[in-house]
Amino acid sequence: MSIENINQAATAMNALTARMNNFVGDADAQIAQRRAAYDGLAADLKGVVNGQMYFVGYVKPNEPNPTNIDGGTFLTIYDAVVRSPYGAQVMLFLDPGIHEVTSDIPVGNRMIYIDKNGVEKPVIRLKARASDVFNYPYHFDDCRNGAVYIKSCEIEFPAEKIDDSLEWNEASSVLLQYTVSGFNHLSLTDCKVSGDAPFALVTGNGSCTNVLGLHSTTLDGTIVGVSRTASGVSIISKQSLTLLNGALVRSTTGDLPNILENGG
């Protein structure tokens, strides 16, 4: 091999080495760039998930142009809840005035918090409906390990039946409907609940488990905190509870040992 061939081979080797070094340098830079992008995506994803799982709505029945988005305005409690992610913590602030419930509100596994928006207490008015055999109100429904917390509101059960020839369905004439073999949590603080039919806040039916919290709250009328106690288990925690015009904390018939209640 001549000197010229040796020099050409050395030049080629140097060029190859330079290309390899450049390749490694470029690869390291691209890896670092992608790693930074992935780290940013992961951090952003955490923020997105956290943001999506905390849902806020302002319920304004007279709003001409509700936005129906997180942080925006809604015409009804139902509209806000069904647009929130399943499993979210849902914070709803109700304008003063009447808020009619004309559809069952699906709780699912959401944690729903309802409070007033302003000084005056809003009124949550459950409207009535009828099947072929019973009357019953629209209510919070389909609770699957979720919870409903209501603060500083007045809650009204229907004043009239849809069909006077039919009785009220005791198992469904409630504020929070049971889920068979499910867990139902209802909490009322600084609320007044009124009604003049065999209504209840929750019912111990279908082998469900109820947790009912009542703080600084008034039940006015023929309302029972927990009804149909024989078919489920219930826990009642109360403080500063006022009972008016025939209201009861729980049914006086049924399997009373199925209820755990404090003396407050």
C-alpha atoms as a PDB file:
ATOM      1  CA  MET A   1       0.000   0.000   0.000  1.00  0.00           C
ATOM      2  CA  SER A   2       1.410   3.329  -1.029  1.00  0.00           C
ATOM      3  CA  ILE A   3       1.768   6.366   1.211  1.00  0.00           C
ATOM      4  CA  GLU A   4      -1.008   8.030  -0.783  1.00  0.00           C
ATOM      5  CA  ASN A   5      -3.395   5.154  -0.082  1.00  0.00           C
ATOM      6  CA  ILE A   6      -2.513   5.247   3.604  1.00  0.00           C
ATOM      7  CA  ASN A   7      -3.214   9.005   3.735  1.00  0.00           C
ATOM      8  CA  GLN A   8      -6.547   8.522   1.954  1.00  0.00           C
ATOM      9  CA  ALA A   9      -7.516   5.797   4.425  1.00  0.00           C
ATOM     10  CA  ALA A  10      -6.574   8.002   7.373  1.00  0.00           C
ATOM     11  CA  THR A  11      -8.611  10.888   5.960  1.00  0.00           C
ATOM     12  CA  ALA A  12     -11.591   8.600   5.530  1.00  0.00           C
ATOM     13  CA  MET A  13     -11.220   7.314   9.103  1.00  0.00           C
ATOM     14  CA  ASN A  14     -11.041  10.852  10.461  1.00  0.00           C
ATOM     15  CA  ALA A  15     -14.158  11.803   8.507  1.00  0.00           C
ATOM     16  CA  LEU A  16     -15.992   8.727   9.803  1.00  0.00           C
ATOM     17  CA  THR A  17     -14.925   9.520  13.356  1.00  0.00           C
ATOM     18  CA  ALA A  18     -16.162  13.083  12.976  1.00  0.00           C
ATOM     19  CA  ARG A  19     -19.494  11.860  11.610  1.00  0.00           C
ATOM     20  CA  MET A  20     -19.859   9.434  14.504  1.00  0.00           C
ATOM     21  CA  ASN A  21     -19.060  12.138  17.032  1.00  0.00           C
ATOM     22  CA  ASN A  22     -21.580  14.456  15.393  1.00  0.00           C
ATOM     23  CA  PHE A  23     -24.189  11.675  15.401  1.00  0.00           C
ATOM     24  CA  VAL A  24     -23.647  10.982  19.096  1.00  0.00           C
ATOM     25  CA  GLY A  25     -23.816  14.693  19.882  1.00  0.00           C
ATOM     26  CA  ASP A  26     -27.014  15.105  17.885  1.00  0.00           C
ATOM     27  CA  ALA A  27     -28.516  12.008  19.523  1.00  0.00           C
ATOM     28  CA  ASP A  28     -27.707  13.322  23.011  1.00  0.00           C
ATOM     29  CA  ALA A  29     -29.260  16.690  22.158  1.00  0.00           C
ATOM     30  CA  GLN A  30     -32.393  15.085  20.748  1.00  0.00           C
ATOM     31  CA  ILE A  31     -32.721  12.795  23.764  1.00  0.00           C
ATOM     32  CA  ALA A  32     -32.411  15.762  26.123  1.00  0.00           C
ATOM     33  CA  GLN A  33     -34.934  17.716  24.071  1.00  0.00           C
ATOM     34  CA  ARG A  34     -37.448  14.877  24.081  1.00  0.00           C
ATOM     35  CA  ARG A  35     -36.891  14.218  27.763  1.00  0.00           C
ATOM     36  CA  ALA A  36     -37.654  17.862  28.554  1.00  0.00           C
ATOM     37  CA  ALA A  37     -40.749  17.683  26.355  1.00  0.00           C
ATOM     38  CA  TYR A  38     -41.934  14.507  28.098  1.00  0.00           C
ATOM     39  CA  ASP A  39     -41.300  16.051  31.529  1.00  0.00           C
ATOM     40  CA  GLY A  40     -43.321  19.107  30.507  1.00  0.00           C
ATOM     41  CA  LEU A  41     -46.099  16.925  29.133  1.00  0.00           C
ATOM     42  CA  ALA A  42     -46.220  14.895  32.336  1.00  0.00           C
ATOM     43  CA  ALA A  43     -46.426  18.036  34.463  1.00  0.00           C
ATOM     44  CA  ASP A  44     -49.083  19.493  32.190  1.00  0.00           C
ATOM     45  CA  LEU A  45     -51.036  16.227  32.264  1.00  0.00           C
ATOM     46  CA  LYS A  46     -51.133  16.343  36.057  1.00  0.00           C
ATOM     47  CA  GLY A  47     -52.452  19.869  35.866  1.00  0.00           C
ATOM     48  CA  VAL A  48     -55.028  18.938  33.247  1.00  0.00           C
ATOM     49  CA  VAL A  49     -56.254  15.953  35.266  1.00  0.00           C
ATOM     50  CA  ASN A  50     -56.418  17.978  38.475  1.00  0.00           C
ATOM     51  CA  GLY A  51     -58.235  20.764  36.673  1.00  0.00           C
ATOM     52  CA  GLN A  52     -60.722  18.412  35.070  1.00  0.00           C
ATOM     53  CA  MET A  53     -61.475  16.700  38.365  1.00  0.00           C
ATOM     54  CA  TYR A  54     -62.357  20.019  40.046  1.00  0.00           C
ATOM     55  CA  PHE A  55     -65.436  21.440  38.345  1.00  0.00           C
ATOM     56  CA  VAL A  56     -67.072  24.769  39.219  1.00  0.00           C
ATOM     57  CA  GLY A  57     -70.424  26.064  38.018  1.00  0.00           C
ATOM     58  CA  TYR A  58     -72.672  29.044  38.683  1.00  0.00           C
ATOM     59  CA  VAL A  59     -76.339  28.116  38.349  1.00  0.00           C
ATOM     60  CA  LYS A  60     -78.377  31.052  37.085  1.00  0.00           C
ATOM     61  CA  PRO A  61     -81.927  30.128  35.961  1.00  0.00           C
ATOM     62  CA  ASN A  62     -82.404  33.507  34.255  1.00  0.00           C
ATOM     63  CA  GLU A  63     -79.094  33.579  32.396  1.00  0.00           C
ATOM     64  CA  PRO A  64     -79.863  34.315  28.703  1.00  0.00           C
ATOM     65  CA  ASN A  65     -76.630  32.790  27.401  1.00  0.00           C
ATOM     66  CA  PRO A  66     -75.275  30.069  29.718  1.00  0.00           C
ATOM     67  CA  THR A  67     -71.763  28.939  28.826  1.00  0.00           C
ATOM     68  CA  ASN A  68     -72.206  25.340  30.046  1.00  0.00           C
ATOM     69  CA  ILE A  69     -68.469  24.949  30.653  1.00  0.00           C
ATOM     70  CA  ASP A  70     -66.249  24.518  33.699  1.00  0.00           C
ATOM     71  CA  GLY A  71     -66.130  27.796  35.598  1.00  0.00           C
ATOM     72  CA  GLY A  72     -69.106  29.137  33.676  1.00  0.00           C
ATOM     73  CA  THR A  73     -72.857  29.512  33.990  1.00  0.00           C
ATOM     74  CA  PHE A  74     -75.663  26.956  33.793  1.00  0.00           C
ATOM     75  CA  LEU A  75     -79.440  27.175  33.823  1.00  0.00           C
ATOM     76  CA  THR A  76     -80.034  24.202  36.127  1.00  0.00           C
ATOM     77  CA  ILE A  77     -78.257  21.999  38.633  1.00  0.00           C
ATOM     78  CA  TYR A  78     -78.807  19.087  36.251  1.00  0.00           C
ATOM     79  CA  ASP A  79     -77.092  20.928  33.366  1.00  0.00           C
ATOM     80  CA  ALA A  80     -74.008  21.555  35.477  1.00  0.00           C
ATOM     81  CA  VAL A  81     -73.726  18.056  36.930  1.00  0.00           C
ATOM     82  CA  VAL A  82     -74.078  16.163  33.632  1.00  0.00           C
ATOM     83  CA  ARG A  83     -71.333  18.306  32.085  1.00  0.00           C
ATOM     84  CA  SER A  84     -68.874  17.561  34.877  1.00  0.00           C
ATOM     85  CA  PRO A  85     -66.468  14.610  34.593  1.00  0.00           C
ATOM     86  CA  TYR A  86     -67.457  11.369  36.223  1.00  0.00           C
ATOM     87  CA  GLY A  87     -65.680  11.199  39.569  1.00  0.00           C
ATOM     88  CA  ALA A  88     -65.088  14.954  39.803  1.00  0.00           C
ATOM     89  CA  GLN A  89     -65.452  17.262  42.770  1.00  0.00           C
ATOM     90  CA  VAL A  90     -68.293  19.510  41.616  1.00  0.00           C
ATOM     91  CA  MET A  91     -68.757  22.932  43.237  1.00  0.00           C
ATOM     92  CA  LEU A  92     -72.064  24.620  42.353  1.00  0.00           C
ATOM     93  CA  PHE A  93     -73.110  28.093  43.471  1.00  0.00           C
ATOM     94  CA  LEU A  94     -76.818  28.872  43.146  1.00  0.00           C
ATOM     95  CA  ASP A  95     -78.226  32.320  42.507  1.00  0.00           C
ATOM     96  CA  PRO A  96     -81.080  33.481  44.772  1.00  0.00           C
ATOM     97  CA  GLY A  97     -84.528  32.418  43.629  1.00  0.00           C
ATOM     98  CA  ILE A  98     -86.204  29.181  42.543  1.00  0.00           C
ATOM     99  CA  HIS A  99     -84.176  26.299  41.103  1.00  0.00           C
ATOM    100  CA  GLU A 100     -86.595  23.691  39.773  1.00  0.00           C
ATOM    101  CA  VAL A 101     -85.488  20.072  39.495  1.00  0.00           C
ATOM    102  CA  THR A 102     -87.317  18.575  36.510  1.00  0.00           C
ATOM    103  CA  SER A 103     -84.883  15.743  35.738  1.00  0.00           C
ATOM    104  CA  ASP A 104     -83.153  13.202  37.947  1.00  0.00           C
ATOM    105  CA  ILE A 105     -79.668  14.497  38.751  1.00  0.00           C
ATOM    106  CA  PRO A 106     -77.105  11.680  38.286  1.00  0.00           C
ATOM    107  CA  VAL A 107     -74.624  11.670  41.153  1.00  0.00           C
ATOM    108  CA  GLY A 108     -72.509   8.706  40.061  1.00  0.00           C
ATOM    109  CA  ASN A 109     -69.231   8.839  41.954  1.00  0.00           C
ATOM    110  CA  ARG A 110     -69.099  12.643  41.914  1.00  0.00           C
ATOM    111  CA  MET A 111     -68.696  14.691  45.088  1.00  0.00           C
ATOM    112  CA  ILE A 112     -71.328  17.393  44.580  1.00  0.00           C
ATOM    113  CA  TYR A 113     -71.185  20.527  46.742  1.00  0.00           C
ATOM    114  CA  ILE A 114     -74.059  23.026  46.461  1.00  0.00           C
ATOM    115  CA  ASP A 115     -73.999  26.424  48.144  1.00  0.00           C
ATOM    116  CA  LYS A 116     -75.683  29.796  47.785  1.00  0.00           C
ATOM    117  CA  ASN A 117     -74.213  32.524  45.585  1.00  0.00           C
ATOM    118  CA  GLY A 118     -74.941  35.658  47.552  1.00  0.00           C
ATOM    119  CA  VAL A 119     -76.764  36.473  50.783  1.00  0.00           C
ATOM    120  CA  GLU A 120     -80.242  35.100  50.092  1.00  0.00           C
ATOM    121  CA  LYS A 121     -80.795  31.367  50.295  1.00  0.00           C
ATOM    122  CA  PRO A 122     -81.824  29.773  46.982  1.00  0.00           C
ATOM    123  CA  VAL A 123     -84.776  27.387  46.828  1.00  0.00           C
ATOM    124  CA  ILE A 124     -84.282  23.929  45.326  1.00  0.00           C
ATOM    125  CA  ARG A 125     -87.768  22.872  44.287  1.00  0.00           C
ATOM    126  CA  LEU A 126     -88.294  19.217  43.392  1.00  0.00           C
ATOM    127  CA  LYS A 127     -91.027  18.824  40.800  1.00  0.00           C
ATOM    128  CA  ALA A 128     -93.401  15.849  40.733  1.00  0.00           C
ATOM    129  CA  ARG A 129     -93.948  13.175  38.081  1.00  0.00           C
ATOM    130  CA  ALA A 130     -96.089  10.066  37.791  1.00  0.00           C
ATOM    131  CA  SER A 131     -95.804   6.556  36.401  1.00  0.00           C
ATOM    132  CA  ASP A 132     -98.706   4.191  35.772  1.00  0.00           C
ATOM    133  CA  VAL A 133     -98.769   3.238  39.444  1.00  0.00           C
ATOM    134  CA  PHE A 134     -97.151   5.980  41.562  1.00  0.00           C
ATOM    135  CA  ASN A 135     -96.349   9.640  42.001  1.00  0.00           C
ATOM    136  CA  TYR A 136     -92.806  10.545  42.973  1.00  0.00           C
ATOM    137  CA  PRO A 137     -90.485  13.572  42.795  1.00  0.00           C
ATOM    138  CA  TYR A 138     -87.439  14.207  40.664  1.00  0.00           C
ATOM    139  CA  HIS A 139     -84.364  13.933  42.856  1.00  0.00           C
ATOM    140  CA  PHE A 140     -80.644  13.190  43.044  1.00  0.00           C
ATOM    141  CA  ASP A 141     -80.185   9.707  41.645  1.00  0.00           C
ATOM    142  CA  ASP A 142     -77.765   6.938  40.668  1.00  0.00           C
ATOM    143  CA  CYS A 143     -75.369   7.519  43.573  1.00  0.00           C
ATOM    144  CA  ARG A 144     -72.433   5.146  43.131  1.00  0.00           C
ATOM    145  CA  ASN A 145     -70.123   5.898  46.052  1.00  0.00           C
ATOM    146  CA  GLY A 146     -70.619   9.607  45.427  1.00  0.00           C
ATOM    147  CA  ALA A 147     -71.983  12.237  47.802  1.00  0.00           C
ATOM    148  CA  VAL A 148     -74.235  15.275  47.857  1.00  0.00           C
ATOM    149  CA  TYR A 149     -73.454  18.178  50.200  1.00  0.00           C
ATOM    150  CA  ILE A 150     -75.974  21.040  50.311  1.00  0.00           C
ATOM    151  CA  LYS A 151     -75.365  24.192  52.326  1.00  0.00           C
ATOM    152  CA  SER A 152     -77.517  27.267  52.976  1.00  0.00           C
ATOM    153  CA  CYS A 153     -80.422  26.290  50.736  1.00  0.00           C
ATOM    154  CA  GLU A 154     -84.140  25.745  51.119  1.00  0.00           C
ATOM    155  CA  ILE A 155     -85.392  22.469  49.668  1.00  0.00           C
ATOM    156  CA  GLU A 156     -89.032  21.968  48.766  1.00  0.00           C
ATOM    157  CA  PHE A 157     -90.677  18.643  47.980  1.00  0.00           C
ATOM    158  CA  PRO A 158     -93.624  18.761  45.546  1.00  0.00           C
ATOM    159  CA  ALA A 159     -96.755  20.433  46.891  1.00  0.00           C
ATOM    160  CA  GLU A 160     -99.100  18.480  44.615  1.00  0.00           C
ATOM    161  CA  LYS A 161     -99.322  15.113  42.891  1.00  0.00           C
ATOM    162  CA  ILE A 162     -99.360  14.775  39.145  1.00  0.00           C
ATOM    163  CA  ASP A 163    -102.056  12.097  39.388  1.00  0.00           C
ATOM    164  CA  ASP A 164    -104.361  12.427  42.401  1.00  0.00           C
ATOM    165  CA  SER A 165    -105.589   8.855  41.941  1.00  0.00           C
ATOM    166  CA  LEU A 166    -102.127   7.444  42.699  1.00  0.00           C
ATOM    167  CA  GLU A 167    -100.154   7.318  45.936  1.00  0.00           C
ATOM    168  CA  TRP A 168     -96.636   8.592  46.448  1.00  0.00           C
ATOM    169  CA  ASN A 169     -93.964   5.910  45.996  1.00  0.00           C
ATOM    170  CA  GLU A 170     -92.351   5.851  49.429  1.00  0.00           C
ATOM    171  CA  ALA A 171     -89.118   4.236  48.232  1.00  0.00           C
ATOM    172  CA  SER A 172     -88.561   6.944  45.583  1.00  0.00           C
ATOM    173  CA  SER A 173     -90.082  10.006  47.248  1.00  0.00           C
ATOM    174  CA  VAL A 174     -86.684  11.081  48.542  1.00  0.00           C
ATOM    175  CA  LEU A 175     -84.063  13.770  48.064  1.00  0.00           C
ATOM    176  CA  LEU A 176     -81.280  11.245  47.335  1.00  0.00           C
ATOM    177  CA  GLN A 177     -82.449   7.998  45.741  1.00  0.00           C
ATOM    178  CA  TYR A 178     -80.831   4.773  46.904  1.00  0.00           C
ATOM    179  CA  THR A 179     -78.690   2.549  44.702  1.00  0.00           C
ATOM    180  CA  VAL A 180     -79.157  -1.193  45.224  1.00  0.00           C
ATOM    181  CA  SER A 181     -76.320  -2.499  47.400  1.00  0.00           C
ATOM    182  CA  GLY A 182     -74.717   0.928  47.066  1.00  0.00           C
ATOM    183  CA  PHE A 183     -73.319   3.625  49.349  1.00  0.00           C
ATOM    184  CA  ASN A 184     -75.199   6.929  49.561  1.00  0.00           C
ATOM    185  CA  HIS A 185     -73.972  10.040  51.365  1.00  0.00           C
ATOM    186  CA  LEU A 186     -76.160  13.120  51.926  1.00  0.00           C
ATOM    187  CA  SER A 187     -75.157  16.111  54.027  1.00  0.00           C
ATOM    188  CA  LEU A 188     -77.298  19.189  54.780  1.00  0.00           C
ATOM    189  CA  THR A 189     -75.920  22.255  56.565  1.00  0.00           C
ATOM    190  CA  ASP A 190     -77.911  25.398  57.342  1.00  0.00           C
ATOM    191  CA  CYS A 191     -80.816  24.122  55.235  1.00  0.00           C
ATOM    192  CA  LYS A 192     -84.583  23.938  55.541  1.00  0.00           C
ATOM    193  CA  VAL A 193     -86.481  21.029  53.988  1.00  0.00           C
ATOM    194  CA  SER A 194     -90.255  21.244  53.672  1.00  0.00           C
ATOM    195  CA  GLY A 195     -93.026  18.985  52.404  1.00  0.00           C
ATOM    196  CA  ASP A 196     -96.458  17.630  53.337  1.00  0.00           C
ATOM    197  CA  ALA A 197     -96.451  14.060  52.058  1.00  0.00           C
ATOM    198  CA  PRO A 198     -94.581  10.879  53.060  1.00  0.00           C
ATOM    199  CA  PHE A 199     -91.234  12.232  51.869  1.00  0.00           C
ATOM    200  CA  ALA A 200     -87.755  11.306  53.128  1.00  0.00           C
ATOM    201  CA  LEU A 201     -84.228  12.524  52.682  1.00  0.00           C
ATOM    202  CA  VAL A 202     -82.932   8.986  52.069  1.00  0.00           C
ATOM    203  CA  THR A 203     -84.395   5.508  52.302  1.00  0.00           C
ATOM    204  CA  GLY A 204     -82.813   2.322  53.639  1.00  0.00           C
ATOM    205  CA  ASN A 205     -83.986   0.233  50.718  1.00  0.00           C
ATOM    206  CA  GLY A 206     -82.358  -2.328  48.440  1.00  0.00           C
ATOM    207  CA  SER A 207     -79.627  -3.366  50.899  1.00  0.00           C
ATOM    208  CA  CYS A 208     -78.002   0.044  50.564  1.00  0.00           C
ATOM    209  CA  THR A 209     -75.867   1.900  53.105  1.00  0.00           C
ATOM    210  CA  ASN A 210     -76.765   5.516  53.901  1.00  0.00           C
ATOM    211  CA  VAL A 211     -74.764   8.212  55.654  1.00  0.00           C
ATOM    212  CA  LEU A 212     -76.923  11.231  56.536  1.00  0.00           C
ATOM    213  CA  GLY A 213     -75.458  14.366  58.101  1.00  0.00           C
ATOM    214  CA  LEU A 214     -77.734  17.143  59.385  1.00  0.00           C
ATOM    215  CA  HIS A 215     -76.244  20.319  60.853  1.00  0.00           C
ATOM    216  CA  SER A 216     -78.160  23.487  61.788  1.00  0.00           C
ATOM    217  CA  THR A 217     -80.989  22.217  59.597  1.00  0.00           C
ATOM    218  CA  THR A 218     -84.779  22.224  59.855  1.00  0.00           C
ATOM    219  CA  LEU A 219     -87.180  19.536  58.640  1.00  0.00           C
ATOM    220  CA  ASP A 220     -90.673  21.010  58.334  1.00  0.00           C
ATOM    221  CA  GLY A 221     -93.704  18.826  57.566  1.00  0.00           C
ATOM    222  CA  THR A 222     -94.305  15.092  57.222  1.00  0.00           C
ATOM    223  CA  ILE A 223     -90.675  14.427  56.329  1.00  0.00           C
ATOM    224  CA  VAL A 224     -88.467  11.617  57.600  1.00  0.00           C
ATOM    225  CA  GLY A 225     -84.694  11.695  57.600  1.00  0.00           C
ATOM    226  CA  VAL A 226     -84.406   7.949  56.890  1.00  0.00           C
ATOM    227  CA  SER A 227     -87.391   5.818  55.862  1.00  0.00           C
ATOM    228  CA  ARG A 228     -87.877   2.099  55.156  1.00  0.00           C
ATOM    229  CA  THR A 229     -85.211   1.105  57.642  1.00  0.00           C
ATOM    230  CA  ALA A 230     -85.691  -2.651  57.312  1.00  0.00           C
ATOM    231  CA  SER A 231     -83.934  -3.070  53.968  1.00  0.00           C
ATOM    232  CA  GLY A 232     -80.636  -1.306  54.548  1.00  0.00           C
ATOM    233  CA  VAL A 233     -78.225   0.190  57.059  1.00  0.00           C
ATOM    234  CA  SER A 234     -78.062   3.883  57.873  1.00  0.00           C
ATOM    235  CA  ILE A 235     -75.866   6.216  59.912  1.00  0.00           C
ATOM    236  CA  ILE A 236     -77.402   9.505  61.070  1.00  0.00           C
ATOM    237  CA  SER A 237     -75.216  12.255  62.463  1.00  0.00           C
ATOM    238  CA  LYS A 238     -76.991  15.417  63.601  1.00  0.00           C
ATOM    239  CA  GLN A 239     -76.381  18.648  65.488  1.00  0.00           C
ATOM    240  CA  SER A 240     -78.765  21.589  65.993  1.00  0.00           C
ATOM    241  CA  LEU A 241     -81.546  19.801  64.111  1.00  0.00           C
ATOM    242  CA  THR A 242     -85.063  21.267  64.308  1.00  0.00           C
ATOM    243  CA  LEU A 243     -88.155  19.133  63.629  1.00  0.00           C
ATOM    244  CA  LEU A 244     -91.437  20.911  62.879  1.00  0.00           C
ATOM    245  CA  ASN A 245     -95.020  19.885  62.023  1.00  0.00           C
ATOM    246  CA  GLY A 246     -94.580  16.137  62.260  1.00  0.00           C
ATOM    247  CA  ALA A 247     -91.053  15.741  60.908  1.00  0.00           C
ATOM    248  CA  LEU A 248     -89.012  12.773  62.163  1.00  0.00           C
ATOM    249  CA  VAL A 249     -85.352  11.860  62.064  1.00  0.00           C
ATOM    250  CA  ARG A 250     -86.214   8.293  61.083  1.00  0.00           C
ATOM    251  CA  SER A 251     -89.120   5.947  60.620  1.00  0.00           C
ATOM    252  CA  THR A 252     -90.756   4.740  63.818  1.00  0.00           C
ATOM    253  CA  THR A 253     -91.406   1.319  62.305  1.00  0.00           C
ATOM    254  CA  GLY A 254     -89.053  -1.260  60.833  1.00  0.00           C
ATOM    255  CA  ASP A 255     -85.799  -2.696  62.058  1.00  0.00           C
ATOM    256  CA  LEU A 256     -84.602   0.196  64.186  1.00  0.00           C
ATOM    257  CA  PRO A 257     -81.302  -1.544  65.104  1.00  0.00           C
ATOM    258  CA  ASN A 258     -80.314  -1.056  61.465  1.00  0.00           C
ATOM    259  CA  ILE A 259     -79.774   2.644  62.242  1.00  0.00           C
ATOM    260  CA  LEU A 260     -76.850   4.182  64.116  1.00  0.00           C
ATOM    261  CA  GLU A 261     -77.776   7.649  65.365  1.00  0.00           C
ATOM    262  CA  ASN A 262     -76.097  10.100  67.706  1.00  0.00           C
ATOM    263  CA  GLY A 263     -78.021  11.920  70.404  1.00  0.00           C
ATOM    264  CA  GLY A 264     -77.132  15.475  69.324  1.00  0.00           C
END
